[in-house]
Amino acid sequence: MHEPHATPQEDCRDLLRQLSDYVEGQADADLCARIEAHLAECPHCRIVVDTLDNTIKLYHSLPDSSPPADARERLFSVLRIDVKRKT
């Protein structure tokens, strides 16, 4: 019995779950090949990957890549607010 093929949305979700390893160059060759094949056919995911890659490059090009001292607290505060709104 054959497995049913994943829908395009499932393929995209699977890609996004593994994107961090791919962008950071830590994905194995098989995963890279699968992701690159998907990106060649999915313009939406290509935009996500290109945007993430450009964001990382921009961040690393900043003279001082240390976030402000209070950034962590502000981020956690915002996340708590968002979490409460979603529940």
C-alpha atoms as a PDB file:
ATOM      1  CA  MET A   1       0.000   0.000   0.000  1.00  0.00           C
ATOM      2  CA  HIS A   2       1.362   3.427  -0.959  1.00  0.00           C
ATOM      3  CA  GLU A   3       1.429   6.394   1.356  1.00  0.00           C
ATOM      4  CA  PRO A   4      -0.746   9.254   0.123  1.00  0.00           C
ATOM      5  CA  HIS A   5       1.195  12.231  -1.168  1.00  0.00           C
ATOM      6  CA  ALA A   6       1.404  15.230   1.088  1.00  0.00           C
ATOM      7  CA  THR A   7      -0.614  18.269   0.141  1.00  0.00           C
ATOM      8  CA  PRO A   8       1.330  21.390  -0.828  1.00  0.00           C
ATOM      9  CA  GLN A   9       0.476  22.917   2.555  1.00  0.00           C
ATOM     10  CA  GLU A  10       1.870  19.858   4.372  1.00  0.00           C
ATOM     11  CA  ASP A  11       5.047  20.073   2.286  1.00  0.00           C
ATOM     12  CA  CYS A  12       5.397  23.743   3.248  1.00  0.00           C
ATOM     13  CA  ARG A  13       4.806  23.057   6.950  1.00  0.00           C
ATOM     14  CA  ASP A  14       7.381  20.254   6.876  1.00  0.00           C
ATOM     15  CA  LEU A  15       9.866  22.577   5.187  1.00  0.00           C
ATOM     16  CA  LEU A  16       9.316  25.363   7.712  1.00  0.00           C
ATOM     17  CA  ARG A  17       9.910  22.967  10.622  1.00  0.00           C
ATOM     18  CA  GLN A  18      13.340  22.140   9.216  1.00  0.00           C
ATOM     19  CA  LEU A  19      14.247  25.559   7.891  1.00  0.00           C
ATOM     20  CA  SER A  20      16.545  26.554  10.731  1.00  0.00           C
ATOM     21  CA  ASP A  21      18.983  23.693  10.093  1.00  0.00           C
ATOM     22  CA  TYR A  22      18.916  24.412   6.360  1.00  0.00           C
ATOM     23  CA  VAL A  23      19.571  28.153   6.647  1.00  0.00           C
ATOM     24  CA  GLU A  24      22.309  27.604   9.243  1.00  0.00           C
ATOM     25  CA  GLY A  25      24.015  25.030   6.981  1.00  0.00           C
ATOM     26  CA  GLN A  26      23.462  22.180   9.448  1.00  0.00           C
ATOM     27  CA  ALA A  27      21.008  20.096   7.406  1.00  0.00           C
ATOM     28  CA  ASP A  28      22.201  16.807   5.912  1.00  0.00           C
ATOM     29  CA  ALA A  29      22.560  16.455   2.130  1.00  0.00           C
ATOM     30  CA  ASP A  30      19.246  14.594   1.717  1.00  0.00           C
ATOM     31  CA  LEU A  31      17.305  17.266   3.574  1.00  0.00           C
ATOM     32  CA  CYS A  32      19.040  20.033   1.596  1.00  0.00           C
ATOM     33  CA  ALA A  33      18.104  18.326  -1.670  1.00  0.00           C
ATOM     34  CA  ARG A  34      14.458  17.961  -0.575  1.00  0.00           C
ATOM     35  CA  ILE A  35      14.240  21.569   0.563  1.00  0.00           C
ATOM     36  CA  GLU A  36      15.900  22.903  -2.585  1.00  0.00           C
ATOM     37  CA  ALA A  37      13.541  20.853  -4.782  1.00  0.00           C
ATOM     38  CA  HIS A  38      10.583  22.264  -2.852  1.00  0.00           C
ATOM     39  CA  LEU A  39      11.908  25.821  -3.086  1.00  0.00           C
ATOM     40  CA  ALA A  40      12.325  25.460  -6.850  1.00  0.00           C
ATOM     41  CA  GLU A  41       8.580  24.832  -7.140  1.00  0.00           C
ATOM     42  CA  CYS A  42       7.108  26.904  -4.299  1.00  0.00           C
ATOM     43  CA  PRO A  43       7.495  30.666  -4.659  1.00  0.00           C
ATOM     44  CA  HIS A  44       5.907  31.296  -1.250  1.00  0.00           C
ATOM     45  CA  CYS A  45       8.486  29.212   0.620  1.00  0.00           C
ATOM     46  CA  ARG A  46      11.262  30.692  -1.530  1.00  0.00           C
ATOM     47  CA  ILE A  47      10.239  34.149  -0.290  1.00  0.00           C
ATOM     48  CA  VAL A  48      10.277  32.926   3.323  1.00  0.00           C
ATOM     49  CA  VAL A  49      13.747  31.402   2.956  1.00  0.00           C
ATOM     50  CA  ASP A  50      15.164  34.417   1.104  1.00  0.00           C
ATOM     51  CA  THR A  51      13.730  36.812   3.681  1.00  0.00           C
ATOM     52  CA  LEU A  52      15.080  34.774   6.587  1.00  0.00           C
ATOM     53  CA  ASP A  53      18.490  34.466   4.949  1.00  0.00           C
ATOM     54  CA  ASN A  54      18.640  38.210   4.255  1.00  0.00           C
ATOM     55  CA  THR A  55      17.549  39.003   7.811  1.00  0.00           C
ATOM     56  CA  ILE A  56      20.305  36.811   9.236  1.00  0.00           C
ATOM     57  CA  LYS A  57      22.904  38.382   6.944  1.00  0.00           C
ATOM     58  CA  LEU A  58      21.741  41.876   7.861  1.00  0.00           C
ATOM     59  CA  TYR A  59      21.870  41.051  11.571  1.00  0.00           C
ATOM     60  CA  HIS A  60      25.416  39.697  11.264  1.00  0.00           C
ATOM     61  CA  SER A  61      26.512  42.781   9.329  1.00  0.00           C
ATOM     62  CA  LEU A  62      25.563  45.148  12.145  1.00  0.00           C
ATOM     63  CA  PRO A  63      28.540  46.673  13.966  1.00  0.00           C
ATOM     64  CA  ASP A  64      27.290  45.610  17.396  1.00  0.00           C
ATOM     65  CA  SER A  65      25.077  42.571  17.163  1.00  0.00           C
ATOM     66  CA  SER A  66      24.235  42.600  20.855  1.00  0.00           C
ATOM     67  CA  PRO A  67      20.594  43.417  21.541  1.00  0.00           C
ATOM     68  CA  PRO A  68      19.787  46.231  23.971  1.00  0.00           C
ATOM     69  CA  ALA A  69      19.982  45.208  27.623  1.00  0.00           C
ATOM     70  CA  ASP A  70      16.232  45.355  28.121  1.00  0.00           C
ATOM     71  CA  ALA A  71      15.309  43.622  24.832  1.00  0.00           C
ATOM     72  CA  ARG A  72      14.800  40.205  26.421  1.00  0.00           C
ATOM     73  CA  GLU A  73      12.431  41.562  29.055  1.00  0.00           C
ATOM     74  CA  ARG A  74      10.473  43.581  26.490  1.00  0.00           C
ATOM     75  CA  LEU A  75      10.213  40.572  24.157  1.00  0.00           C
ATOM     76  CA  PHE A  76       9.016  38.269  26.929  1.00  0.00           C
ATOM     77  CA  SER A  77       6.508  40.886  28.023  1.00  0.00           C
ATOM     78  CA  VAL A  78       5.071  41.115  24.504  1.00  0.00           C
ATOM     79  CA  LEU A  79       4.978  37.345  24.131  1.00  0.00           C
ATOM     80  CA  ARG A  80       3.068  36.962  27.382  1.00  0.00           C
ATOM     81  CA  ILE A  81       0.520  39.498  26.168  1.00  0.00           C
ATOM     82  CA  ASP A  82       0.134  37.710  22.835  1.00  0.00           C
ATOM     83  CA  VAL A  83      -0.196  34.327  24.507  1.00  0.00           C
ATOM     84  CA  LYS A  84      -2.967  35.626  26.770  1.00  0.00           C
ATOM     85  CA  ARG A  85      -4.844  37.059  23.786  1.00  0.00           C
ATOM     86  CA  LYS A  86      -4.720  33.749  21.895  1.00  0.00           C
ATOM     87  CA  THR A  87      -6.054  31.663  24.776  1.00  0.00           C
END
